[in-house]
Amino acid sequence: GFYAGLSAGKASGDFDYTIIGESSPYFSEEIDGKSYGIYGGYN
């Protein structure tokens, strides 16, 4: 059946800035923060 709800959590990862054609990223940084929202679906 159908379901819906709310979500909240922690977000993190890596960010790369690249010049196209270069073999490696111009620079890389970590990202960090939060995430929240809604969801819905059918099973």
PDB file of all heavy atoms in Angstrom:
ATOM      1  N   GLY A   1       0.800  -1.213   0.000  1.00  0.00           N
ATOM      2  CA  GLY A   1       0.000   0.000   0.000  1.00  0.00           C
ATOM      3  C   GLY A   1       0.837   1.268   0.000  1.00  0.00           C
ATOM      4  O   GLY A   1       2.069   1.245  -0.018  1.00  0.00           O
ATOM      5  N   PHE A   2       0.123   2.408   0.044  1.00  0.00           N
ATOM      6  CA  PHE A   2       0.775   3.715   0.059  1.00  0.00           C
ATOM      7  C   PHE A   2       1.328   4.026   1.447  1.00  0.00           C
ATOM      8  O   PHE A   2       0.780   3.604   2.469  1.00  0.00           O
ATOM      9  CB  PHE A   2      -0.217   4.808  -0.345  1.00  0.00           C
ATOM     10  CG  PHE A   2      -0.579   4.808  -1.805  1.00  0.00           C
ATOM     11  CD1 PHE A   2      -1.773   4.251  -2.226  1.00  0.00           C
ATOM     12  CD2 PHE A   2       0.280   5.360  -2.743  1.00  0.00           C
ATOM     13  CE1 PHE A   2      -2.119   4.247  -3.572  1.00  0.00           C
ATOM     14  CE2 PHE A   2      -0.052   5.363  -4.092  1.00  0.00           C
ATOM     15  CZ  PHE A   2      -1.258   4.802  -4.507  1.00  0.00           C
ATOM     16  N   TYR A   3       2.412   4.807   1.474  1.00  0.00           N
ATOM     17  CA  TYR A   3       2.972   5.287   2.733  1.00  0.00           C
ATOM     18  C   TYR A   3       3.601   6.653   2.496  1.00  0.00           C
ATOM     19  O   TYR A   3       3.947   7.020   1.360  1.00  0.00           O
ATOM     20  CB  TYR A   3       4.010   4.306   3.290  1.00  0.00           C
ATOM     21  CG  TYR A   3       5.227   4.142   2.417  1.00  0.00           C
ATOM     22  CD1 TYR A   3       6.362   4.949   2.583  1.00  0.00           C
ATOM     23  CD2 TYR A   3       5.248   3.201   1.385  1.00  0.00           C
ATOM     24  CE1 TYR A   3       7.469   4.802   1.768  1.00  0.00           C
ATOM     25  CE2 TYR A   3       6.355   3.051   0.570  1.00  0.00           C
ATOM     26  CZ  TYR A   3       7.459   3.848   0.762  1.00  0.00           C
ATOM     27  OH  TYR A   3       8.559   3.711  -0.055  1.00  0.00           O
ATOM     28  N   ALA A   4       3.763   7.440   3.553  1.00  0.00           N
ATOM     29  CA  ALA A   4       4.390   8.759   3.465  1.00  0.00           C
ATOM     30  C   ALA A   4       4.946   9.117   4.833  1.00  0.00           C
ATOM     31  O   ALA A   4       4.512   8.573   5.862  1.00  0.00           O
ATOM     32  CB  ALA A   4       3.385   9.809   3.005  1.00  0.00           C
ATOM     33  N   GLY A   5       5.911  10.048   4.843  1.00  0.00           N
ATOM     34  CA  GLY A   5       6.483  10.419   6.128  1.00  0.00           C
ATOM     35  C   GLY A   5       7.495  11.546   6.037  1.00  0.00           C
ATOM     36  O   GLY A   5       7.653  12.203   5.002  1.00  0.00           O
ATOM     37  N   LEU A   6       8.193  11.749   7.155  1.00  0.00           N
ATOM     38  CA  LEU A   6       9.201  12.789   7.305  1.00  0.00           C
ATOM     39  C   LEU A   6      10.548  12.144   7.615  1.00  0.00           C
ATOM     40  O   LEU A   6      10.607  11.079   8.234  1.00  0.00           O
ATOM     41  CB  LEU A   6       8.823  13.744   8.439  1.00  0.00           C
ATOM     42  CG  LEU A   6       7.449  14.418   8.354  1.00  0.00           C
ATOM     43  CD1 LEU A   6       7.176  15.207   9.634  1.00  0.00           C
ATOM     44  CD2 LEU A   6       7.369  15.330   7.141  1.00  0.00           C
ATOM     45  N   SER A   7      11.624  12.815   7.213  1.00  0.00           N
ATOM     46  CA  SER A   7      12.968  12.309   7.491  1.00  0.00           C
ATOM     47  C   SER A   7      13.882  13.458   7.892  1.00  0.00           C
ATOM     48  O   SER A   7      13.670  14.614   7.516  1.00  0.00           O
ATOM     49  CB  SER A   7      13.544  11.590   6.267  1.00  0.00           C
ATOM     50  OG  SER A   7      13.722  12.507   5.194  1.00  0.00           O
ATOM     51  N   ALA A   8      14.910  13.123   8.679  1.00  0.00           N
ATOM     52  CA  ALA A   8      15.911  14.113   9.076  1.00  0.00           C
ATOM     53  C   ALA A   8      17.198  13.372   9.411  1.00  0.00           C
ATOM     54  O   ALA A   8      17.160  12.271   9.982  1.00  0.00           O
ATOM     55  CB  ALA A   8      15.427  14.925  10.277  1.00  0.00           C
ATOM     56  N   GLY A   9      18.344  13.987   9.041  1.00  0.00           N
ATOM     57  CA  GLY A   9      19.596  13.311   9.329  1.00  0.00           C
ATOM     58  C   GLY A   9      20.802  14.178   9.071  1.00  0.00           C
ATOM     59  O   GLY A   9      20.703  15.404   8.919  1.00  0.00           O
ATOM     60  N   LYS A  10      21.948  13.523   9.022  1.00  0.00           N
ATOM     61  CA  LYS A  10      23.240  14.196   8.856  1.00  0.00           C
ATOM     62  C   LYS A  10      23.800  13.885   7.477  1.00  0.00           C
ATOM     63  O   LYS A  10      23.771  12.736   7.034  1.00  0.00           O
ATOM     64  CB  LYS A  10      24.207  13.720   9.940  1.00  0.00           C
ATOM     65  CG  LYS A  10      25.593  14.346   9.842  1.00  0.00           C
ATOM     66  CD  LYS A  10      26.468  13.904  10.987  1.00  0.00           C
ATOM     67  CE  LYS A  10      27.898  14.439  10.820  1.00  0.00           C
ATOM     68  NZ  LYS A  10      27.926  15.914  10.734  1.00  0.00           N
ATOM     69  N   ALA A  11      24.312  14.923   6.816  1.00  0.00           N
ATOM     70  CA  ALA A  11      24.875  14.775   5.475  1.00  0.00           C
ATOM     71  C   ALA A  11      26.371  15.072   5.509  1.00  0.00           C
ATOM     72  O   ALA A  11      26.823  15.983   6.206  1.00  0.00           O
ATOM     73  CB  ALA A  11      24.178  15.722   4.508  1.00  0.00           C
ATOM     74  N   SER A  12      27.145  14.299   4.741  1.00  0.00           N
ATOM     75  CA  SER A  12      28.585  14.534   4.648  1.00  0.00           C
ATOM     76  C   SER A  12      29.094  13.945   3.341  1.00  0.00           C
ATOM     77  O   SER A  12      28.402  13.167   2.683  1.00  0.00           O
ATOM     78  CB  SER A  12      29.324  13.912   5.839  1.00  0.00           C
ATOM     79  OG  SER A  12      29.124  12.510   5.850  1.00  0.00           O
ATOM     80  N   GLY A  13      30.317  14.298   2.964  1.00  0.00           N
ATOM     81  CA  GLY A  13      30.862  13.749   1.725  1.00  0.00           C
ATOM     82  C   GLY A  13      32.065  14.524   1.236  1.00  0.00           C
ATOM     83  O   GLY A  13      32.718  15.243   1.991  1.00  0.00           O
ATOM     84  N   ASP A  14      32.333  14.396  -0.055  1.00  0.00           N
ATOM     85  CA  ASP A  14      33.480  15.038  -0.697  1.00  0.00           C
ATOM     86  C   ASP A  14      33.010  15.849  -1.900  1.00  0.00           C
ATOM     87  O   ASP A  14      32.124  15.431  -2.644  1.00  0.00           O
ATOM     88  CB  ASP A  14      34.500  13.991  -1.162  1.00  0.00           C
ATOM     89  CG  ASP A  14      35.074  13.199   0.001  1.00  0.00           C
ATOM     90  OD1 ASP A  14      35.491  13.832   0.979  1.00  0.00           O
ATOM     91  OD2 ASP A  14      35.074  11.964  -0.077  1.00  0.00           O
ATOM     92  N   PHE A  15      33.660  16.993  -2.095  1.00  0.00           N
ATOM     93  CA  PHE A  15      33.347  17.908  -3.187  1.00  0.00           C
ATOM     94  C   PHE A  15      34.607  18.107  -4.019  1.00  0.00           C
ATOM     95  O   PHE A  15      35.664  18.443  -3.494  1.00  0.00           O
ATOM     96  CB  PHE A  15      32.860  19.241  -2.609  1.00  0.00           C
ATOM     97  CG  PHE A  15      32.639  20.321  -3.631  1.00  0.00           C
ATOM     98  CD1 PHE A  15      31.397  20.481  -4.224  1.00  0.00           C
ATOM     99  CD2 PHE A  15      33.672  21.188  -3.999  1.00  0.00           C
ATOM    100  CE1 PHE A  15      31.194  21.487  -5.156  1.00  0.00           C
ATOM    101  CE2 PHE A  15      33.471  22.187  -4.939  1.00  0.00           C
ATOM    102  CZ  PHE A  15      32.227  22.331  -5.509  1.00  0.00           C
ATOM    103  N   ASP A  16      34.500  17.893  -5.341  1.00  0.00           N
ATOM    104  CA  ASP A  16      35.641  18.060  -6.253  1.00  0.00           C
ATOM    105  C   ASP A  16      35.313  19.123  -7.295  1.00  0.00           C
ATOM    106  O   ASP A  16      34.239  19.085  -7.913  1.00  0.00           O
ATOM    107  CB  ASP A  16      35.970  16.750  -6.972  1.00  0.00           C
ATOM    108  CG  ASP A  16      36.458  15.678  -6.018  1.00  0.00           C
ATOM    109  OD1 ASP A  16      37.051  16.035  -4.988  1.00  0.00           O
ATOM    110  OD2 ASP A  16      36.226  14.488  -6.300  1.00  0.00           O
ATOM    111  N   TYR A  17      36.248  20.044  -7.482  1.00  0.00           N
ATOM    112  CA  TYR A  17      36.138  21.057  -8.537  1.00  0.00           C
ATOM    113  C   TYR A  17      37.169  20.700  -9.606  1.00  0.00           C
ATOM    114  O   TYR A  17      38.364  20.578  -9.326  1.00  0.00           O
ATOM    115  CB  TYR A  17      36.399  22.448  -7.962  1.00  0.00           C
ATOM    116  CG  TYR A  17      36.459  23.547  -8.989  1.00  0.00           C
ATOM    117  CD1 TYR A  17      35.298  24.145  -9.475  1.00  0.00           C
ATOM    118  CD2 TYR A  17      37.690  23.996  -9.466  1.00  0.00           C
ATOM    119  CE1 TYR A  17      35.376  25.165 -10.414  1.00  0.00           C
ATOM    120  CE2 TYR A  17      37.767  25.016 -10.405  1.00  0.00           C
ATOM    121  CZ  TYR A  17      36.604  25.596 -10.876  1.00  0.00           C
ATOM    122  OH  TYR A  17      36.673  26.600 -11.808  1.00  0.00           O
ATOM    123  N   THR A  18      36.689  20.508 -10.834  1.00  0.00           N
ATOM    124  CA  THR A  18      37.550  19.975 -11.887  1.00  0.00           C
ATOM    125  C   THR A  18      37.516  20.874 -13.123  1.00  0.00           C
ATOM    126  O   THR A  18      36.453  21.376 -13.508  1.00  0.00           O
ATOM    127  CB  THR A  18      37.094  18.556 -12.295  1.00  0.00           C
ATOM    128  OG1 THR A  18      37.074  17.738 -11.137  1.00  0.00           O
ATOM    129  CG2 THR A  18      38.029  17.951 -13.321  1.00  0.00           C
ATOM    130  N   ILE A  19      38.659  21.067 -13.701  1.00  0.00           N
ATOM    131  CA  ILE A  19      38.747  21.684 -15.023  1.00  0.00           C
ATOM    132  C   ILE A  19      38.691  20.541 -16.034  1.00  0.00           C
ATOM    133  O   ILE A  19      39.532  19.639 -16.005  1.00  0.00           O
ATOM    134  CB  ILE A  19      40.056  22.481 -15.195  1.00  0.00           C
ATOM    135  CG1 ILE A  19      40.173  23.544 -14.083  1.00  0.00           C
ATOM    136  CG2 ILE A  19      40.106  23.108 -16.581  1.00  0.00           C
ATOM    137  CD1 ILE A  19      39.084  24.584 -14.133  1.00  0.00           C
ATOM    138  N   ILE A  20      37.683  20.565 -16.893  1.00  0.00           N
ATOM    139  CA  ILE A  20      37.502  19.472 -17.839  1.00  0.00           C
ATOM    140  C   ILE A  20      38.741  19.330 -18.718  1.00  0.00           C
ATOM    141  O   ILE A  20      39.261  20.307 -19.260  1.00  0.00           O
ATOM    142  CB  ILE A  20      36.247  19.701 -18.696  1.00  0.00           C
ATOM    143  CG1 ILE A  20      34.999  19.685 -17.798  1.00  0.00           C
ATOM    144  CG2 ILE A  20      36.110  18.649 -19.787  1.00  0.00           C
ATOM    145  CD1 ILE A  20      33.711  19.977 -18.530  1.00  0.00           C
ATOM    146  N   GLY A  21      39.221  18.110 -18.816  1.00  0.00           N
ATOM    147  CA  GLY A  21      40.430  17.837 -19.563  1.00  0.00           C
ATOM    148  C   GLY A  21      41.640  17.622 -18.680  1.00  0.00           C
ATOM    149  O   GLY A  21      42.646  17.065 -19.121  1.00  0.00           O
ATOM    150  N   GLU A  22      41.538  18.080 -17.416  1.00  0.00           N
ATOM    151  CA  GLU A  22      42.630  17.863 -16.478  1.00  0.00           C
ATOM    152  C   GLU A  22      42.517  16.453 -15.900  1.00  0.00           C
ATOM    153  O   GLU A  22      41.433  15.898 -15.744  1.00  0.00           O
ATOM    154  CB  GLU A  22      42.572  18.892 -15.343  1.00  0.00           C
ATOM    155  CG  GLU A  22      42.748  20.331 -15.817  1.00  0.00           C
ATOM    156  CD  GLU A  22      44.173  20.599 -16.276  1.00  0.00           C
ATOM    157  OE1 GLU A  22      45.082  19.887 -15.818  1.00  0.00           O
ATOM    158  OE2 GLU A  22      44.373  21.527 -17.088  1.00  0.00           O
ATOM    159  N   SER A  23      43.651  15.862 -15.541  1.00  0.00           N
ATOM    160  CA  SER A  23      43.664  14.485 -15.050  1.00  0.00           C
ATOM    161  C   SER A  23      43.245  14.371 -13.593  1.00  0.00           C
ATOM    162  O   SER A  23      42.872  13.296 -13.129  1.00  0.00           O
ATOM    163  CB  SER A  23      45.058  13.880 -15.233  1.00  0.00           C
ATOM    164  OG  SER A  23      46.021  14.654 -14.529  1.00  0.00           O
ATOM    165  N   SER A  24      43.311  15.460 -12.830  1.00  0.00           N
ATOM    166  CA  SER A  24      42.952  15.416 -11.412  1.00  0.00           C
ATOM    167  C   SER A  24      42.160  16.666 -11.044  1.00  0.00           C
ATOM    168  O   SER A  24      42.230  17.685 -11.748  1.00  0.00           O
ATOM    169  CB  SER A  24      44.213  15.310 -10.548  1.00  0.00           C
ATOM    170  OG  SER A  24      45.053  16.421 -10.760  1.00  0.00           O
ATOM    171  N   PRO A  25      41.390  16.613  -9.949  1.00  0.00           N
ATOM    172  CA  PRO A  25      40.608  17.787  -9.545  1.00  0.00           C
ATOM    173  C   PRO A  25      41.483  19.001  -9.271  1.00  0.00           C
ATOM    174  O   PRO A  25      42.614  18.877  -8.777  1.00  0.00           O
ATOM    175  CB  PRO A  25      39.893  17.312  -8.271  1.00  0.00           C
ATOM    176  CG  PRO A  25      39.901  15.822  -8.355  1.00  0.00           C
ATOM    177  CD  PRO A  25      41.159  15.463  -9.069  1.00  0.00           C
ATOM    178  N   TYR A  26      40.972  20.185  -9.569  1.00  0.00           N
ATOM    179  CA  TYR A  26      41.672  21.430  -9.272  1.00  0.00           C
ATOM    180  C   TYR A  26      41.801  21.602  -7.761  1.00  0.00           C
ATOM    181  O   TYR A  26      42.831  22.031  -7.264  1.00  0.00           O
ATOM    182  CB  TYR A  26      40.913  22.593  -9.904  1.00  0.00           C
ATOM    183  CG  TYR A  26      41.596  23.929  -9.763  1.00  0.00           C
ATOM    184  CD1 TYR A  26      42.775  24.195 -10.462  1.00  0.00           C
ATOM    185  CD2 TYR A  26      41.051  24.907  -8.947  1.00  0.00           C
ATOM    186  CE1 TYR A  26      43.401  25.441 -10.327  1.00  0.00           C
ATOM    187  CE2 TYR A  26      41.678  26.144  -8.814  1.00  0.00           C
ATOM    188  CZ  TYR A  26      42.842  26.406  -9.503  1.00  0.00           C
ATOM    189  OH  TYR A  26      43.463  27.624  -9.370  1.00  0.00           O
ATOM    190  N   PHE A  27      40.713  21.259  -7.031  1.00  0.00           N
ATOM    191  CA  PHE A  27      40.783  21.174  -5.572  1.00  0.00           C
ATOM    192  C   PHE A  27      39.655  20.274  -5.083  1.00  0.00           C
ATOM    193  O   PHE A  27      38.671  20.038  -5.777  1.00  0.00           O
ATOM    194  CB  PHE A  27      40.701  22.567  -4.903  1.00  0.00           C
ATOM    195  CG  PHE A  27      39.387  23.262  -5.091  1.00  0.00           C
ATOM    196  CD1 PHE A  27      38.280  22.957  -4.296  1.00  0.00           C
ATOM    197  CD2 PHE A  27      39.242  24.246  -6.056  1.00  0.00           C
ATOM    198  CE1 PHE A  27      37.083  23.613  -4.465  1.00  0.00           C
ATOM    199  CE2 PHE A  27      38.034  24.912  -6.236  1.00  0.00           C
ATOM    200  CZ  PHE A  27      36.959  24.592  -5.442  1.00  0.00           C
ATOM    201  N   SER A  28      39.827  19.754  -3.869  1.00  0.00           N
ATOM    202  CA  SER A  28      38.834  18.889  -3.236  1.00  0.00           C
ATOM    203  C   SER A  28      38.615  19.349  -1.809  1.00  0.00           C
ATOM    204  O   SER A  28      39.563  19.779  -1.139  1.00  0.00           O
ATOM    205  CB  SER A  28      39.283  17.420  -3.234  1.00  0.00           C
ATOM    206  OG  SER A  28      39.429  16.925  -4.536  1.00  0.00           O
ATOM    207  N   GLU A  29      37.378  19.242  -1.357  1.00  0.00           N
ATOM    208  CA  GLU A  29      37.033  19.616   0.010  1.00  0.00           C
ATOM    209  C   GLU A  29      35.991  18.663   0.559  1.00  0.00           C
ATOM    210  O   GLU A  29      35.255  18.013  -0.193  1.00  0.00           O
ATOM    211  CB  GLU A  29      36.469  21.043   0.065  1.00  0.00           C
ATOM    212  CG  GLU A  29      37.473  22.144  -0.164  1.00  0.00           C
ATOM    213  CD  GLU A  29      36.835  23.508   0.002  1.00  0.00           C
ATOM    214  OE1 GLU A  29      35.955  23.657   0.892  1.00  0.00           O
ATOM    215  OE2 GLU A  29      37.175  24.424  -0.770  1.00  0.00           O
ATOM    216  N   GLU A  30      35.909  18.608   1.882  1.00  0.00           N
ATOM    217  CA  GLU A  30      34.842  17.864   2.527  1.00  0.00           C
ATOM    218  C   GLU A  30      33.622  18.761   2.681  1.00  0.00           C
ATOM    219  O   GLU A  30      33.733  19.986   2.808  1.00  0.00           O
ATOM    220  CB  GLU A  30      35.292  17.349   3.895  1.00  0.00           C
ATOM    221  CG  GLU A  30      36.377  16.295   3.819  1.00  0.00           C
ATOM    222  CD  GLU A  30      36.723  15.747   5.187  1.00  0.00           C
ATOM    223  OE1 GLU A  30      36.200  16.272   6.202  1.00  0.00           O
ATOM    224  OE2 GLU A  30      37.513  14.792   5.241  1.00  0.00           O
ATOM    225  N   ILE A  31      32.454  18.139   2.660  1.00  0.00           N
ATOM    226  CA  ILE A  31      31.211  18.858   2.909  1.00  0.00           C
ATOM    227  C   ILE A  31      30.531  18.227   4.113  1.00  0.00           C
ATOM    228  O   ILE A  31      30.682  17.037   4.390  1.00  0.00           O
ATOM    229  CB  ILE A  31      30.272  18.826   1.681  1.00  0.00           C
ATOM    230  CG1 ILE A  31      30.016  17.382   1.235  1.00  0.00           C
ATOM    231  CG2 ILE A  31      30.830  19.643   0.541  1.00  0.00           C
ATOM    232  CD1 ILE A  31      29.035  17.267   0.090  1.00  0.00           C
ATOM    233  N   ASP A  32      29.778  19.053   4.843  1.00  0.00           N
ATOM    234  CA  ASP A  32      29.155  18.570   6.076  1.00  0.00           C
ATOM    235  C   ASP A  32      27.926  19.416   6.377  1.00  0.00           C
ATOM    236  O   ASP A  32      27.904  20.616   6.093  1.00  0.00           O
ATOM    237  CB  ASP A  32      30.167  18.660   7.225  1.00  0.00           C
ATOM    238  CG  ASP A  32      29.635  18.022   8.489  1.00  0.00           C
ATOM    239  OD1 ASP A  32      29.525  16.784   8.535  1.00  0.00           O
ATOM    240  OD2 ASP A  32      29.308  18.770   9.428  1.00  0.00           O
ATOM    241  N   GLY A  33      26.895  18.778   6.926  1.00  0.00           N
ATOM    242  CA  GLY A  33      25.691  19.530   7.272  1.00  0.00           C
ATOM    243  C   GLY A  33      24.541  18.628   7.636  1.00  0.00           C
ATOM    244  O   GLY A  33      24.727  17.543   8.188  1.00  0.00           O
ATOM    245  N   LYS A  34      23.333  19.066   7.298  1.00  0.00           N
ATOM    246  CA  LYS A  34      22.138  18.316   7.665  1.00  0.00           C
ATOM    247  C   LYS A  34      21.195  18.221   6.468  1.00  0.00           C
ATOM    248  O   LYS A  34      21.335  18.934   5.471  1.00  0.00           O
ATOM    249  CB  LYS A  34      21.425  18.979   8.843  1.00  0.00           C
ATOM    250  CG  LYS A  34      21.013  20.427   8.614  1.00  0.00           C
ATOM    251  CD  LYS A  34      20.390  21.009   9.856  1.00  0.00           C
ATOM    252  CE  LYS A  34      19.948  22.463   9.673  1.00  0.00           C
ATOM    253  NZ  LYS A  34      21.076  23.379   9.497  1.00  0.00           N
ATOM    254  N   SER A  35      20.220  17.313   6.602  1.00  0.00           N
ATOM    255  CA  SER A  35      19.240  17.078   5.547  1.00  0.00           C
ATOM    256  C   SER A  35      17.901  16.743   6.191  1.00  0.00           C
ATOM    257  O   SER A  35      17.854  16.039   7.211  1.00  0.00           O
ATOM    258  CB  SER A  35      19.701  15.922   4.652  1.00  0.00           C
ATOM    259  OG  SER A  35      18.701  15.560   3.722  1.00  0.00           O
ATOM    260  N   TYR A  36      16.822  17.249   5.612  1.00  0.00           N
ATOM    261  CA  TYR A  36      15.478  16.948   6.125  1.00  0.00           C
ATOM    262  C   TYR A  36      14.476  17.095   4.995  1.00  0.00           C
ATOM    263  O   TYR A  36      14.716  17.822   4.014  1.00  0.00           O
ATOM    264  CB  TYR A  36      15.120  17.868   7.302  1.00  0.00           C
ATOM    265  CG  TYR A  36      15.182  19.347   6.971  1.00  0.00           C
ATOM    266  CD1 TYR A  36      14.061  20.042   6.540  1.00  0.00           C
ATOM    267  CD2 TYR A  36      16.387  20.049   7.071  1.00  0.00           C
ATOM    268  CE1 TYR A  36      14.130  21.390   6.229  1.00  0.00           C
ATOM    269  CE2 TYR A  36      16.468  21.386   6.763  1.00  0.00           C
ATOM    270  CZ  TYR A  36      15.326  22.066   6.348  1.00  0.00           C
ATOM    271  OH  TYR A  36      15.401  23.395   6.026  1.00  0.00           O
ATOM    272  N   GLY A  37      13.352  16.401   5.101  1.00  0.00           N
ATOM    273  CA  GLY A  37      12.371  16.496   4.029  1.00  0.00           C
ATOM    274  C   GLY A  37      11.207  15.541   4.201  1.00  0.00           C
ATOM    275  O   GLY A  37      10.915  15.056   5.304  1.00  0.00           O
ATOM    276  N   ILE A  38      10.546  15.258   3.094  1.00  0.00           N
ATOM    277  CA  ILE A  38       9.378  14.391   3.071  1.00  0.00           C
ATOM    278  C   ILE A  38       9.612  13.267   2.062  1.00  0.00           C
ATOM    279  O   ILE A  38      10.460  13.379   1.177  1.00  0.00           O
ATOM    280  CB  ILE A  38       8.093  15.166   2.709  1.00  0.00           C
ATOM    281  CG1 ILE A  38       8.217  15.786   1.303  1.00  0.00           C
ATOM    282  CG2 ILE A  38       7.801  16.243   3.742  1.00  0.00           C
ATOM    283  CD1 ILE A  38       6.936  16.467   0.813  1.00  0.00           C
ATOM    284  N   TYR A  39       8.845  12.184   2.217  1.00  0.00           N
ATOM    285  CA  TYR A  39       8.938  11.075   1.270  1.00  0.00           C
ATOM    286  C   TYR A  39       7.594  10.382   1.170  1.00  0.00           C
ATOM    287  O   TYR A  39       6.723  10.505   2.050  1.00  0.00           O
ATOM    288  CB  TYR A  39      10.024  10.077   1.697  1.00  0.00           C
ATOM    289  CG  TYR A  39       9.743   9.379   3.004  1.00  0.00           C
ATOM    290  CD1 TYR A  39       9.008   8.197   3.052  1.00  0.00           C
ATOM    291  CD2 TYR A  39      10.213   9.902   4.213  1.00  0.00           C
ATOM    292  CE1 TYR A  39       8.755   7.554   4.261  1.00  0.00           C
ATOM    293  CE2 TYR A  39       9.965   9.267   5.408  1.00  0.00           C
ATOM    294  CZ  TYR A  39       9.231   8.102   5.432  1.00  0.00           C
ATOM    295  OH  TYR A  39       8.970   7.471   6.622  1.00  0.00           O
ATOM    296  N   GLY A  40       7.408   9.655   0.087  1.00  0.00           N
ATOM    297  CA  GLY A  40       6.193   8.878  -0.106  1.00  0.00           C
ATOM    298  C   GLY A  40       6.415   7.817  -1.165  1.00  0.00           C
ATOM    299  O   GLY A  40       7.281   7.967  -2.034  1.00  0.00           O
ATOM    300  N   GLY A  41       5.656   6.731  -1.078  1.00  0.00           N
ATOM    301  CA  GLY A  41       5.839   5.655  -2.041  1.00  0.00           C
ATOM    302  C   GLY A  41       4.739   4.620  -1.952  1.00  0.00           C
ATOM    303  O   GLY A  41       3.741   4.797  -1.244  1.00  0.00           O
ATOM    304  N   TYR A  42       4.951   3.536  -2.690  1.00  0.00           N
ATOM    305  CA  TYR A  42       3.980   2.435  -2.711  1.00  0.00           C
ATOM    306  C   TYR A  42       4.738   1.117  -2.656  1.00  0.00           C
ATOM    307  O   TYR A  42       5.724   0.923  -3.378  1.00  0.00           O
ATOM    308  CB  TYR A  42       3.123   2.493  -3.976  1.00  0.00           C
ATOM    309  CG  TYR A  42       1.936   1.561  -3.930  1.00  0.00           C
ATOM    310  CD1 TYR A  42       0.704   1.999  -3.459  1.00  0.00           C
ATOM    311  CD2 TYR A  42       2.053   0.232  -4.348  1.00  0.00           C
ATOM    312  CE1 TYR A  42      -0.390   1.153  -3.406  1.00  0.00           C
ATOM    313  CE2 TYR A  42       0.961  -0.629  -4.298  1.00  0.00           C
ATOM    314  CZ  TYR A  42      -0.257  -0.164  -3.829  1.00  0.00           C
ATOM    315  OH  TYR A  42      -1.333  -1.016  -3.767  1.00  0.00           O
ATOM    316  N   ASN A  43       4.262   0.195  -1.795  1.00  0.00           N
ATOM    317  CA  ASN A  43       4.856  -1.132  -1.655  1.00  0.00           C
ATOM    318  C   ASN A  43       3.936  -2.212  -2.220  1.00  0.00           C
ATOM    319  O   ASN A  43       2.706  -2.140  -2.055  1.00  0.00           O
ATOM    320  CB  ASN A  43       5.108  -1.461  -0.178  1.00  0.00           C
ATOM    321  CG  ASN A  43       6.307  -0.748   0.382  1.00  0.00           C
ATOM    322  OD1 ASN A  43       7.277  -0.506  -0.327  1.00  0.00           O
ATOM    323  ND2 ASN A  43       6.255  -0.413   1.655  1.00  0.00           N
TER     324      ASN A  43
END
